[in-house]
C-alpha atoms as a PDB file:
ATOM      1  CA  MET A   1      90.410  14.705 110.010  1.00  0.00           C
ATOM      2  CA  PHE A   2      88.560  11.510 109.658  1.00  0.00           C
ATOM      3  CA  ASP A   3      87.484   9.673 112.746  1.00  0.00           C
ATOM      4  CA  GLN A   4      87.005   5.727 112.914  1.00  0.00           C
ATOM      5  CA  ALA A   5      83.385   6.429 113.413  1.00  0.00           C
ATOM      6  CA  LEU A   6      82.535   8.673 110.318  1.00  0.00           C
ATOM      7  CA  LEU A   7      85.192   6.200 108.761  1.00  0.00           C
ATOM      8  CA  SER A   8      83.176   2.705 109.364  1.00  0.00           C
ATOM      9  CA  TYR A   9      79.968   5.227 108.427  1.00  0.00           C
ATOM     10  CA  LEU A  10      81.574   5.705 104.604  1.00  0.00           C
ATOM     11  CA  LEU A  11      82.997   2.504 104.651  1.00  0.00           C
ATOM     12  CA  ALA A  12      79.467   0.511 104.825  1.00  0.00           C
ATOM     13  CA  MET A  13      78.221   2.675 102.784  1.00  0.00           C
ATOM     14  CA  ALA A  14      80.716   2.003 100.216  1.00  0.00           C
ATOM     15  CA  VAL A  15      79.776  -1.987 101.228  1.00  0.00           C
ATOM     16  CA  ALA A  16      76.293  -1.441 101.051  1.00  0.00           C
ATOM     17  CA  LEU A  17      75.664   0.335  97.973  1.00  0.00           C
ATOM     18  CA  SER A  18      78.235  -1.802  96.003  1.00  0.00           C
ATOM     19  CA  GLY A  19      77.502  -5.040  97.281  1.00  0.00           C
ATOM     20  CA  TYR A  20      81.277  -6.218  97.728  1.00  0.00           C
ATOM     21  CA  PRO A  21      81.511  -7.922 100.614  1.00  0.00           C
ATOM     22  CA  GLU A  22      82.791  -6.569 104.199  1.00  0.00           C
ATOM     23  CA  MET A  23      85.164  -5.594 105.229  1.00  0.00           C
ATOM     24  CA  ALA A  24      86.758  -4.240 108.974  1.00  0.00           C
ATOM     25  CA  VAL A  25      87.431  -0.136 109.057  1.00  0.00           C
ATOM     26  CA  GLU A  26      91.127  -1.321 110.364  1.00  0.00           C
ATOM     27  CA  ASP A  27      92.000  -3.261 107.179  1.00  0.00           C
ATOM     28  CA  LEU A  28      91.758   0.123 105.225  1.00  0.00           C
ATOM     29  CA  PRO A  29      94.755   1.432 103.617  1.00  0.00           C
ATOM     30  CA  ALA A  30      96.347   4.446 105.583  1.00  0.00           C
ATOM     31  CA  ILE A  31      94.506   7.757 104.711  1.00  0.00           C
ATOM     32  CA  GLN A  32      96.541  10.751 104.526  1.00  0.00           C
ATOM     33  CA  GLN A  33      95.134  13.879 104.034  1.00  0.00           C
ATOM     34  CA  LEU A  34      97.259  16.273 102.480  1.00  0.00           C
ATOM     35  CA  PRO A  35      97.526  20.105 100.674  1.00  0.00           C
ATOM     36  CA  PRO A  36      96.770  20.282  97.391  1.00  0.00           C
ATOM     37  CA  ASN A  37     100.406  20.765  95.932  1.00  0.00           C
ATOM     38  CA  ALA A  38     101.724  17.445  97.858  1.00  0.00           C
ATOM     39  CA  LEU A  39      98.480  15.224  96.550  1.00  0.00           C
ATOM     40  CA  HIS A  40      99.589  16.977  93.019  1.00  0.00           C
ATOM     41  CA  ALA A  41     103.132  15.932  93.159  1.00  0.00           C
ATOM     42  CA  ALA A  42     101.980  12.414  94.606  1.00  0.00           C
ATOM     43  CA  ALA A  43      99.693  11.801  91.924  1.00  0.00           C
ATOM     44  CA  CYS A  44     101.542  13.159  88.474  1.00  0.00           C
ATOM     45  CA  ASP A  45     105.536  12.968  89.135  1.00  0.00           C
ATOM     46  CA  ASP A  46     105.624  15.855  86.044  1.00  0.00           C
ATOM     47  CA  GLY A  47     103.343  18.043  87.414  1.00  0.00           C
ATOM     48  CA  ALA A  48     100.166  17.768  84.733  1.00  0.00           C
ATOM     49  CA  ALA A  49      97.951  19.935  84.667  1.00  0.00           C
ATOM     50  CA  PRO A  50      95.007  17.502  84.987  1.00  0.00           C
ATOM     51  CA  CYS A  51      96.519  16.695  88.594  1.00  0.00           C
ATOM     52  CA  GLU A  52      95.085  20.889  89.951  1.00  0.00           C
ATOM     53  CA  ASN A  53      91.599  19.315  90.033  1.00  0.00           C
ATOM     54  CA  LEU A  54      92.222  16.093  91.805  1.00  0.00           C
ATOM     55  CA  ALA A  55      90.326  15.315  95.009  1.00  0.00           C
ATOM     56  CA  ALA A  56      91.486  11.802  96.148  1.00  0.00           C
ATOM     57  CA  LEU A  57      93.010   8.975  95.287  1.00  0.00           C
ATOM     58  CA  PHE A  58      93.832   5.345  95.891  1.00  0.00           C
ATOM     59  CA  ASP A  59      97.369   4.181  95.498  1.00  0.00           C
ATOM     60  CA  SER A  60      97.389   0.017  95.387  1.00  0.00           C
ATOM     61  CA  GLN A  61     100.646   0.427  95.257  1.00  0.00           C
ATOM     62  CA  ASN A  62     101.795   1.527  98.612  1.00  0.00           C
ATOM     63  CA  GLN A  63      98.728   0.618 100.019  1.00  0.00           C
ATOM     64  CA  ARG A  64      97.339   3.843 100.833  1.00  0.00           C
ATOM     65  CA  ILE A  65      94.813   6.531 100.262  1.00  0.00           C
ATOM     66  CA  LEU A  66      95.662  10.100  99.766  1.00  0.00           C
ATOM     67  CA  ILE A  67      92.636  12.838 100.006  1.00  0.00           C
ATOM     68  CA  SER A  68      93.022  16.711  99.813  1.00  0.00           C
ATOM     69  CA  ASN A  69      92.885  18.415 103.518  1.00  0.00           C
ATOM     70  CA  ARG A  70      90.828  21.129 102.031  1.00  0.00           C
ATOM     71  CA  LEU A  71      88.025  18.890 102.219  1.00  0.00           C
ATOM     72  CA  ASP A  72      85.276  19.105 105.052  1.00  0.00           C
ATOM     73  CA  PRO A  73      84.944  15.716 106.605  1.00  0.00           C
ATOM     74  CA  ALA A  74      81.379  16.608 107.974  1.00  0.00           C
ATOM     75  CA  ASP A  75      80.215  17.615 104.285  1.00  0.00           C
ATOM     76  CA  PRO A  76      78.803  14.711 102.094  1.00  0.00           C
ATOM     77  CA  ALA A  77      79.712  16.493  99.466  1.00  0.00           C
ATOM     78  CA  ASP A  78      83.292  16.104 100.389  1.00  0.00           C
ATOM     79  CA  ASN A  79      83.747  12.841 102.155  1.00  0.00           C
ATOM     80  CA  SER A  80      81.573  11.663  99.095  1.00  0.00           C
ATOM     81  CA  PHE A  81      84.901  11.153  97.962  1.00  0.00           C
ATOM     82  CA  LEU A  82      85.949   8.838 100.456  1.00  0.00           C
ATOM     83  CA  VAL A  83      83.065   6.206  99.395  1.00  0.00           C
ATOM     84  CA  HIS A  84      84.511   7.076  96.003  1.00  0.00           C
ATOM     85  CA  GLU A  85      87.870   5.734  96.674  1.00  0.00           C
ATOM     86  CA  PHE A  86      86.556   2.984  99.378  1.00  0.00           C
ATOM     87  CA  VAL A  87      84.998   1.643  96.463  1.00  0.00           C
ATOM     88  CA  HIS A  88      88.220   1.300  94.713  1.00  0.00           C
ATOM     89  CA  VAL A  89      90.113  -0.394  97.476  1.00  0.00           C
ATOM     90  CA  LEU A  90      86.779  -3.086  97.527  1.00  0.00           C
ATOM     91  CA  GLN A  91      87.670  -3.534  94.018  1.00  0.00           C
ATOM     92  CA  TYR A  92      90.948  -4.736  94.579  1.00  0.00           C
ATOM     93  CA  ARG A  93      90.367  -6.500  97.263  1.00  0.00           C
ATOM     94  CA  GLN A  94      88.350  -8.925  94.643  1.00  0.00           C
ATOM     95  CA  LEU A  95      90.310  -8.196  91.726  1.00  0.00           C
ATOM     96  CA  GLY A  96      94.183  -7.580  92.655  1.00  0.00           C
ATOM     97  CA  GLU A  97      95.630  -5.101  90.524  1.00  0.00           C
ATOM     98  CA  SER A  98      93.629  -6.301  87.316  1.00  0.00           C
ATOM     99  CA  TYR A  99      90.462  -4.246  88.733  1.00  0.00           C
ATOM    100  CA  SER A 100      92.142  -1.269  86.806  1.00  0.00           C
ATOM    101  CA  GLU A 101      94.522  -2.863  84.035  1.00  0.00           C
ATOM    102  CA  GLY A 102      93.725  -1.154  80.847  1.00  0.00           C
ATOM    103  CA  CYS A 103      91.161   1.405  79.483  1.00  0.00           C
ATOM    104  CA  GLU A 104      88.005  -0.794  79.745  1.00  0.00           C
ATOM    105  CA  ALA A 105      88.757  -1.935  83.333  1.00  0.00           C
ATOM    106  CA  THR A 106      90.187   1.706  84.392  1.00  0.00           C
ATOM    107  CA  LEU A 107      86.315   2.940  83.014  1.00  0.00           C
ATOM    108  CA  ALA A 108      84.020   0.279  84.340  1.00  0.00           C
ATOM    109  CA  ALA A 109      86.086   0.709  87.944  1.00  0.00           C
ATOM    110  CA  GLU A 110      85.419   4.585  87.635  1.00  0.00           C
ATOM    111  CA  ARG A 111      81.946   4.320  86.424  1.00  0.00           C
ATOM    112  CA  GLU A 112      80.883   2.191  89.170  1.00  0.00           C
ATOM    113  CA  ALA A 113      83.080   4.254  91.877  1.00  0.00           C
ATOM    114  CA  TYR A 114      80.829   7.052  90.482  1.00  0.00           C
ATOM    115  CA  ARG A 115      77.965   5.116  90.726  1.00  0.00           C
ATOM    116  CA  VAL A 116      77.984   4.575  94.461  1.00  0.00           C
ATOM    117  CA  GLN A 117      79.333   8.201  95.840  1.00  0.00           C
ATOM    118  CA  ASN A 118      76.503   9.546  93.566  1.00  0.00           C
ATOM    119  CA  ALA A 119      74.277   6.860  95.110  1.00  0.00           C
ATOM    120  CA  TYR A 120      75.239   7.976  98.450  1.00  0.00           C
ATOM    121  CA  LEU A 121      75.013  11.917  97.545  1.00  0.00           C
ATOM    122  CA  ARG A 122      71.141  10.795  96.640  1.00  0.00           C
ATOM    123  CA  ARG A 123      71.146   8.834  99.856  1.00  0.00           C
ATOM    124  CA  ALA A 124      72.287  12.500 101.993  1.00  0.00           C
ATOM    125  CA  GLY A 125      69.639  14.150 100.373  1.00  0.00           C
ATOM    126  CA  ARG A 126      72.499  16.306  98.562  1.00  0.00           C
ATOM    127  CA  LEU A 127      72.469  17.638  94.499  1.00  0.00           C
ATOM    128  CA  GLU A 128      75.697  17.032  93.836  1.00  0.00           C
ATOM    129  CA  ARG A 129      77.001  14.528  91.530  1.00  0.00           C
ATOM    130  CA  TYR A 130      80.319  13.490  90.442  1.00  0.00           C
ATOM    131  CA  GLY A 131      81.613  12.003  87.184  1.00  0.00           C
ATOM    132  CA  ASP A 132      78.349  12.295  84.942  1.00  0.00           C
ATOM    133  CA  ARG A 133      80.577  12.536  81.854  1.00  0.00           C
ATOM    134  CA  LEU A 134      81.524   9.079  82.097  1.00  0.00           C
ATOM    135  CA  THR A 135      78.104   7.542  81.353  1.00  0.00           C
ATOM    136  CA  PHE A 136      78.982   9.105  77.759  1.00  0.00           C
ATOM    137  CA  MET A 137      82.662   7.993  77.457  1.00  0.00           C
ATOM    138  CA  ALA A 138      84.414   4.884  75.752  1.00  0.00           C
ATOM    139  CA  CYS A 139      87.766   4.033  75.371  1.00  0.00           C
ATOM    140  CA  ALA A 140      89.334   5.481  72.411  1.00  0.00           C
ATOM    141  CA  ALA A 141      90.391   3.208  69.634  1.00  0.00           C
ATOM    142  CA  ARG A 142      93.677   4.287  69.746  1.00  0.00           C
ATOM    143  CA  GLN A 143      95.622   4.287  73.263  1.00  0.00           C
ATOM    144  CA  PRO A 144      99.047   5.551  74.147  1.00  0.00           C
ATOM    145  CA  SER A 145     101.855   3.650  74.559  1.00  0.00           C
ATOM    146  CA  ASP A 146     102.621   4.361  78.326  1.00  0.00           C
ATOM    147  CA  PRO A 147     100.463   1.689  80.010  1.00  0.00           C
ATOM    148  CA  THR A 148      99.862   4.426  82.988  1.00  0.00           C
ATOM    149  CA  THR A 149      97.220   5.927  80.876  1.00  0.00           C
ATOM    150  CA  VAL A 150      94.377   6.008  79.460  1.00  0.00           C
ATOM    151  CA  VAL A 151      92.044   7.749  76.711  1.00  0.00           C
ATOM    152  CA  PHE A 152      88.480   8.355  76.575  1.00  0.00           C
ATOM    153  CA  GLU A 153      86.335   9.907  73.621  1.00  0.00           C
ATOM    154  CA  PRO A 154      82.574  10.309  73.952  1.00  0.00           C
ATOM    155  CA  GLY A 155      80.945   7.460  73.222  1.00  0.00           C
ATOM    156  CA  GLY A 156      77.168   6.072  72.156  1.00  0.00           C
ATOM    157  CA  HIS A 157      76.284   5.376  75.781  1.00  0.00           C
ATOM    158  CA  ARG A 158      72.242   5.689  75.561  1.00  0.00           C
ATOM    159  CA  PRO A 159      71.598   6.962  78.908  1.00  0.00           C
ATOM    160  CA  SER A 160      69.225   5.603  81.301  1.00  0.00           C
ATOM    161  CA  ASP A 161      66.771   8.088  82.880  1.00  0.00           C
ATOM    162  CA  ASN A 162      69.135   8.279  86.099  1.00  0.00           C
ATOM    163  CA  ASP A 163      71.889   9.398  83.800  1.00  0.00           C
ATOM    164  CA  ILE A 164      69.748  12.052  82.465  1.00  0.00           C
ATOM    165  CA  PHE A 165      69.148  13.788  85.991  1.00  0.00           C
ATOM    166  CA  ASP A 166      72.531  13.029  87.220  1.00  0.00           C
ATOM    167  CA  ALA A 167      73.775  14.838  84.033  1.00  0.00           C
ATOM    168  CA  PHE A 168      71.247  17.614  84.115  1.00  0.00           C
ATOM    169  CA  MET A 169      71.991  18.281  87.904  1.00  0.00           C
ATOM    170  CA  ALA A 170      75.853  18.220  87.335  1.00  0.00           C
ATOM    171  CA  THR A 171      75.546  20.508  84.732  1.00  0.00           C
ATOM    172  CA  LEU A 172      73.442  23.057  86.711  1.00  0.00           C
ATOM    173  CA  ARG A 173      75.984  22.894  89.638  1.00  0.00           C
ATOM    174  CA  ARG A 174      79.221  23.092  88.028  1.00  0.00           C
ATOM    175  CA  PRO A 175      80.853  26.693  88.489  1.00  0.00           C
ATOM    176  CA  PRO A 176      80.473  28.385  84.565  1.00  0.00           C
ATOM    177  CA  SER A 177      84.568  29.351  84.961  1.00  0.00           C
ATOM    178  CA  SER A 178      85.741  26.333  85.370  1.00  0.00           C
ATOM    179  CA  ALA A 179      85.604  23.390  82.019  1.00  0.00           C
ATOM    180  CA  GLN A 180      86.541  20.431  84.596  1.00  0.00           C
ATOM    181  CA  MET A 181      85.444  18.492  88.176  1.00  0.00           C
ATOM    182  CA  LEU A 182      86.746  16.801  90.799  1.00  0.00           C
ATOM    183  CA  LEU A 183      88.016  13.186  89.463  1.00  0.00           C
ATOM    184  CA  PRO A 184      89.670  11.372  92.426  1.00  0.00           C
ATOM    185  CA  VAL A 185      91.153   8.271  90.365  1.00  0.00           C
ATOM    186  CA  SER A 186      93.380   5.558  90.728  1.00  0.00           C
ATOM    187  CA  ALA A 187      97.227   6.255  91.250  1.00  0.00           C
ATOM    188  CA  ASP A 188      98.486   2.740  90.539  1.00  0.00           C
ATOM    189  CA  PRO A 189      98.540   0.849  87.867  1.00  0.00           C
ATOM    190  CA  THR A 190      96.672   3.420  85.489  1.00  0.00           C
ATOM    191  CA  TRP A 191      96.970   6.672  85.358  1.00  0.00           C
ATOM    192  CA  LEU A 192      93.181   8.621  84.649  1.00  0.00           C
ATOM    193  CA  GLN A 193      93.935  11.734  82.932  1.00  0.00           C
ATOM    194  CA  PRO A 194      90.917  13.834  84.401  1.00  0.00           C
ATOM    195  CA  GLY A 195      91.501  16.650  82.905  1.00  0.00           C
ATOM    196  CA  TYR A 196      91.897  15.705  79.201  1.00  0.00           C
ATOM    197  CA  LEU A 197      88.686  13.868  80.278  1.00  0.00           C
ATOM    198  CA  HIS A 198      86.375  16.742  81.265  1.00  0.00           C
ATOM    199  CA  GLN A 199      88.002  19.713  78.529  1.00  0.00           C
ATOM    200  CA  MET A 200      86.855  17.064  76.117  1.00  0.00           C
ATOM    201  CA  PRO A 201      83.331  18.370  74.477  1.00  0.00           C
ATOM    202  CA  PRO A 202      80.731  16.434  75.851  1.00  0.00           C
ATOM    203  CA  GLY A 203      79.006  13.609  73.789  1.00  0.00           C
ATOM    204  CA  ARG A 204      76.122  14.725  71.327  1.00  0.00           C
ATOM    205  CA  ASN A 205      73.836  12.750  73.053  1.00  0.00           C
ATOM    206  CA  GLU A 206      74.198  14.454  76.328  1.00  0.00           C
ATOM    207  CA  TRP A 207      73.739  17.988  74.833  1.00  0.00           C
ATOM    208  CA  GLN A 208      70.462  16.826  73.359  1.00  0.00           C
ATOM    209  CA  LEU A 209      69.090  15.614  76.625  1.00  0.00           C
ATOM    210  CA  LEU A 210      70.037  18.203  78.454  1.00  0.00           C
ATOM    211  CA  GLN A 211      68.742  20.681  76.084  1.00  0.00           C
ATOM    212  CA  ALA A 212      65.721  19.271  75.879  1.00  0.00           C
ATOM    213  CA  LEU A 213      65.339  18.712  79.386  1.00  0.00           C
ATOM    214  CA  LEU A 214      66.048  22.370  79.745  1.00  0.00           C
ATOM    215  CA  GLN A 215      63.590  23.328  77.331  1.00  0.00           C
ATOM    216  CA  ALA A 216      60.795  20.759  79.066  1.00  0.00           C
ATOM    217  CA  VAL A 217      61.571  22.684  82.172  1.00  0.00           C
ATOM    218  CA  ALA A 218      61.584  25.998  80.933  1.00  0.00           C
ATOM    219  CA  ALA A 219      58.072  25.233  79.268  1.00  0.00           C
ATOM    220  CA  ALA A 220      56.506  23.966  82.643  1.00  0.00           C
ATOM    221  CA  THR A 221      57.687  27.703  84.214  1.00  0.00           C
ATOM    222  CA  GLU A 222      56.054  29.575  81.977  1.00  0.00           C
ATOM    223  CA  ASN A 223      53.073  27.195  81.892  1.00  0.00           C
ATOM    224  CA  PRO A 224      52.149  25.915  85.764  1.00  0.00           C
END
Protein backbone atom coordinates (compact mmCIF):
# COMPACT_ATOMS: atom_id res chain seq x y z
CA MET A 1 0.00 0.00 0.00
CA PHE A 2 1.34 3.44 -0.94
CA ASP A 3 0.63 5.81 1.93
CA GLN A 4 0.07 9.54 1.48
CA ALA A 5 3.49 10.53 2.82
CA LEU A 6 5.29 8.25 0.36
CA LEU A 7 3.14 9.43 -2.54
CA SER A 8 3.90 13.05 -1.65
CA TYR A 9 7.62 12.31 -1.60
CA LEU A 10 7.60 10.42 -4.91
CA LEU A 11 5.56 13.17 -6.58
CA ALA A 12 7.96 15.81 -5.24
CA MET A 13 10.85 13.82 -6.74
CA ALA A 14 9.09 13.60 -10.11
CA VAL A 15 8.49 17.37 -10.09
CA ALA A 16 12.00 18.28 -8.94
CA LEU A 17 13.78 16.00 -11.39
CA SER A 18 11.57 16.79 -14.38
CA GLY A 19 11.17 20.54 -13.91
CA TYR A 20 7.40 20.44 -14.44
CA PRO A 21 5.16 22.69 -12.33
CA GLU A 22 4.16 21.39 -8.92
CA MET A 23 0.85 19.67 -8.35
CA ALA A 24 -0.91 18.63 -5.16
CA VAL A 25 -0.82 14.96 -4.27
CA GLU A 26 -4.60 15.16 -3.87
CA ASP A 27 -4.84 15.93 -7.59
CA LEU A 28 -3.12 12.69 -8.65
CA PRO A 29 -5.19 10.16 -10.57
CA ALA A 30 -6.49 7.21 -8.57
CA ILE A 31 -3.78 4.61 -7.93
CA GLN A 32 -4.82 0.97 -8.10
CA GLN A 33 -2.60 -1.95 -7.18
CA LEU A 34 -3.51 -5.03 -9.18
CA PRO A 35 -2.28 -8.61 -9.45
CA PRO A 36 -0.11 -9.02 -12.56
CA ASN A 37 -2.79 -10.90 -14.51
CA ALA A 38 -5.35 -8.13 -13.86
CA LEU A 39 -2.80 -5.45 -14.79
CA HIS A 40 -1.97 -7.26 -18.02
CA ALA A 41 -5.65 -7.68 -18.87
CA ALA A 42 -6.27 -3.96 -18.32
CA ALA A 43 -3.33 -2.99 -20.52
CA CYS A 44 -3.71 -5.52 -23.34
CA ASP A 45 -7.19 -6.52 -24.40
CA ASP A 46 -5.82 -9.28 -26.60
CA GLY A 47 -3.46 -10.69 -23.94
CA ALA A 48 -0.38 -9.79 -25.97
CA ALA A 49 2.91 -11.18 -24.66
CA PRO A 50 4.51 -7.73 -24.06
CA CYS A 51 2.04 -7.10 -21.24
CA GLU A 52 3.54 -9.92 -19.21
CA ASN A 53 6.42 -7.65 -18.16
CA LEU A 54 4.33 -4.57 -17.41
CA ALA A 55 5.04 -2.97 -14.01
CA ALA A 56 2.76 0.07 -14.14
CA LEU A 57 0.89 2.37 -16.47
CA PHE A 58 -0.86 5.72 -16.54
CA ASP A 59 -4.29 5.32 -18.11
CA SER A 60 -4.99 8.89 -19.18
CA GLN A 61 -8.42 8.11 -20.62
CA ASN A 62 -9.72 6.78 -17.32
CA GLN A 63 -7.48 8.98 -15.17
CA ARG A 64 -5.90 6.21 -13.13
CA ILE A 65 -2.49 4.72 -12.47
CA LEU A 66 -2.34 0.95 -12.39
CA ILE A 67 0.62 -0.71 -10.70
CA SER A 68 1.55 -4.31 -9.95
CA ASN A 69 0.88 -5.42 -6.38
CA ARG A 70 4.12 -7.38 -6.54
CA LEU A 71 6.11 -4.17 -6.21
CA ASP A 72 7.33 -3.27 -2.74
CA PRO A 73 6.40 0.35 -1.89
CA ALA A 74 9.37 0.61 0.49
CA ASP A 75 11.91 -0.40 -2.16
CA PRO A 76 13.18 2.51 -4.29
CA ALA A 77 13.73 0.17 -7.25
CA ASP A 78 10.03 -0.69 -7.14
CA ASN A 79 8.52 2.65 -6.18
CA SER A 80 10.60 4.29 -8.93
CA PHE A 81 7.94 3.03 -11.32
CA LEU A 82 5.48 5.37 -9.63
CA VAL A 83 7.94 8.23 -10.14
CA HIS A 84 7.96 7.24 -13.83
CA GLU A 85 4.17 7.28 -14.05
CA PHE A 86 3.98 10.57 -12.16
CA VAL A 87 6.14 12.09 -14.89
CA HIS A 88 3.55 10.95 -17.43
CA VAL A 89 0.84 12.57 -15.30
CA LEU A 90 2.84 15.82 -15.29
CA GLN A 91 3.34 15.56 -19.06
CA TYR A 92 -0.39 15.05 -19.52
CA ARG A 93 -1.19 18.10 -17.38
CA GLN A 94 1.03 20.23 -19.62
CA LEU A 95 0.21 18.81 -23.05
CA GLY A 96 -3.00 16.80 -22.76
CA GLU A 97 -3.30 13.67 -24.86
CA SER A 98 -0.76 15.03 -27.34
CA TYR A 99 2.07 14.11 -24.93
CA SER A 100 1.98 10.60 -26.37
CA GLU A 101 0.33 10.99 -29.76
CA GLY A 102 2.43 9.31 -32.41
CA CYS A 103 5.78 7.60 -32.27
CA GLU A 104 8.04 10.64 -31.84
CA ALA A 105 5.96 12.06 -28.98
CA THR A 106 5.75 8.66 -27.29
CA LEU A 107 9.49 8.11 -27.57
CA ALA A 108 10.23 11.57 -26.14
CA ALA A 109 7.77 11.07 -23.28
CA GLU A 110 9.20 7.67 -22.37
CA ARG A 111 12.79 8.87 -22.55
CA GLU A 112 11.98 11.75 -20.22
CA ALA A 113 10.12 9.49 -17.78
CA TYR A 114 13.00 7.00 -17.71
CA ARG A 115 15.54 9.80 -17.31
CA VAL A 116 13.68 11.01 -14.21
CA GLN A 117 13.20 7.45 -12.91
CA ASN A 118 16.91 6.71 -13.23
CA ALA A 119 17.88 10.06 -11.68
CA TYR A 120 15.67 9.13 -8.72
CA LEU A 121 17.41 5.76 -8.45
CA ARG A 122 20.82 7.46 -8.51
CA ARG A 123 19.71 9.77 -5.69
CA ALA A 124 18.58 6.73 -3.72
CA GLY A 125 22.00 5.15 -4.18
CA ARG A 126 20.62 2.31 -6.28
CA LEU A 127 22.32 0.69 -9.27
CA GLU A 128 19.17 -0.35 -11.11
CA ARG A 129 18.49 1.44 -14.37
CA TYR A 130 15.45 1.05 -16.60
CA GLY A 131 14.61 1.86 -20.20
CA ASP A 132 18.27 1.85 -21.18
CA ARG A 133 17.67 0.69 -24.75
CA LEU A 134 15.30 3.56 -25.50
CA THR A 135 18.44 5.70 -25.65
CA PHE A 136 19.53 3.81 -28.74
CA MET A 137 16.11 3.58 -30.42
CA ALA A 138 14.37 5.66 -33.07
CA CYS A 139 10.92 5.50 -34.62
CA ALA A 140 10.73 2.99 -37.44
CA ALA A 141 10.19 4.55 -40.85
CA ARG A 142 7.08 2.44 -41.38
CA GLN A 143 4.56 2.59 -38.57
CA PRO A 144 1.51 0.32 -38.15
CA SER A 145 -1.80 1.61 -39.41
CA ASP A 146 -3.18 1.09 -35.89
CA PRO A 147 -2.74 4.54 -34.26
CA THR A 148 -2.50 2.95 -30.80
CA THR A 149 0.72 1.08 -31.66
CA VAL A 150 4.20 2.40 -32.30
CA VAL A 151 7.30 0.55 -33.44
CA PHE A 152 10.92 1.40 -32.68
CA GLU A 153 14.15 0.30 -34.30
CA PRO A 154 17.84 0.74 -33.44
CA GLY A 155 18.82 4.32 -34.16
CA GLY A 156 21.98 6.36 -34.59
CA HIS A 157 21.81 8.29 -31.32
CA ARG A 158 25.26 9.14 -29.97
CA PRO A 159 25.14 8.29 -26.24
CA SER A 160 26.53 10.50 -23.51
CA ASP A 161 28.81 9.24 -20.75
CA ASN A 162 25.75 8.85 -18.48
CA ASP A 163 23.99 6.86 -21.22
CA ILE A 164 26.96 4.51 -21.47
CA PHE A 165 27.18 4.01 -17.72
CA ASP A 166 23.44 3.44 -17.30
CA ALA A 167 23.33 0.97 -20.20
CA PHE A 168 26.35 -0.84 -18.76
CA MET A 169 24.83 -1.10 -15.27
CA ALA A 170 21.45 -2.18 -16.64
CA THR A 171 23.12 -4.88 -18.74
CA LEU A 172 25.07 -6.18 -15.75
CA ARG A 173 21.92 -6.41 -13.65
CA ARG A 174 19.64 -7.85 -16.35
CA PRO A 175 18.83 -11.51 -15.68
CA PRO A 176 20.68 -13.62 -18.26
CA SER A 177 17.60 -15.76 -18.88
CA SER A 178 15.41 -12.79 -19.80
CA ALA A 179 15.48 -10.73 -22.98
CA GLN A 180 13.07 -8.16 -21.59
CA MET A 181 12.92 -5.54 -18.86
CA LEU A 182 10.02 -4.02 -16.98
CA LEU A 183 8.70 -1.16 -19.05
CA PRO A 184 5.80 0.91 -17.75
CA VAL A 185 3.89 2.53 -20.57
CA SER A 186 0.98 4.83 -21.24
CA ALA A 187 -2.06 2.76 -22.08
CA ASP A 188 -3.93 5.47 -23.97
CA PRO A 189 -3.88 6.79 -26.59
CA THR A 190 -0.57 5.31 -27.74
CA TRP A 191 0.40 1.75 -26.86
CA LEU A 192 4.11 1.08 -26.64
CA GLN A 193 5.05 -2.55 -27.20
CA PRO A 194 7.78 -3.30 -24.63
CA GLY A 195 8.22 -6.95 -25.56
CA TYR A 196 8.89 -6.10 -29.20
CA LEU A 197 11.20 -3.30 -28.22
CA HIS A 198 13.31 -5.26 -25.76
CA GLN A 199 13.52 -8.44 -27.80
CA MET A 200 15.14 -6.52 -30.64
CA PRO A 201 18.94 -6.66 -30.80
CA PRO A 202 20.48 -3.52 -29.33
CA GLY A 203 22.09 -1.05 -31.70
CA ARG A 204 25.65 -1.72 -32.80
CA ASN A 205 26.85 1.37 -30.93
CA GLU A 206 25.57 0.00 -27.63
CA TRP A 207 27.37 -3.32 -27.98
CA GLN A 208 30.59 -1.63 -29.07
CA LEU A 209 30.50 0.75 -26.14
CA LEU A 210 29.67 -1.96 -23.63
CA GLN A 211 32.36 -4.24 -25.02
CA ALA A 212 34.95 -1.47 -24.78
CA LEU A 213 33.87 -0.67 -21.24
CA LEU A 214 34.00 -4.31 -20.19
CA GLN A 215 37.48 -4.62 -21.70
CA ALA A 216 38.59 -1.52 -19.79
CA VAL A 217 37.20 -2.92 -16.54
CA ALA A 218 38.92 -6.25 -17.16
CA ALA A 219 42.21 -4.52 -17.91
CA ALA A 220 41.96 -2.42 -14.77
CA THR A 221 41.27 -5.55 -12.71
CA GLU A 222 44.26 -7.39 -14.14
CA ASN A 223 46.57 -4.37 -13.71
CA PRO A 224 45.49 -2.54 -10.55
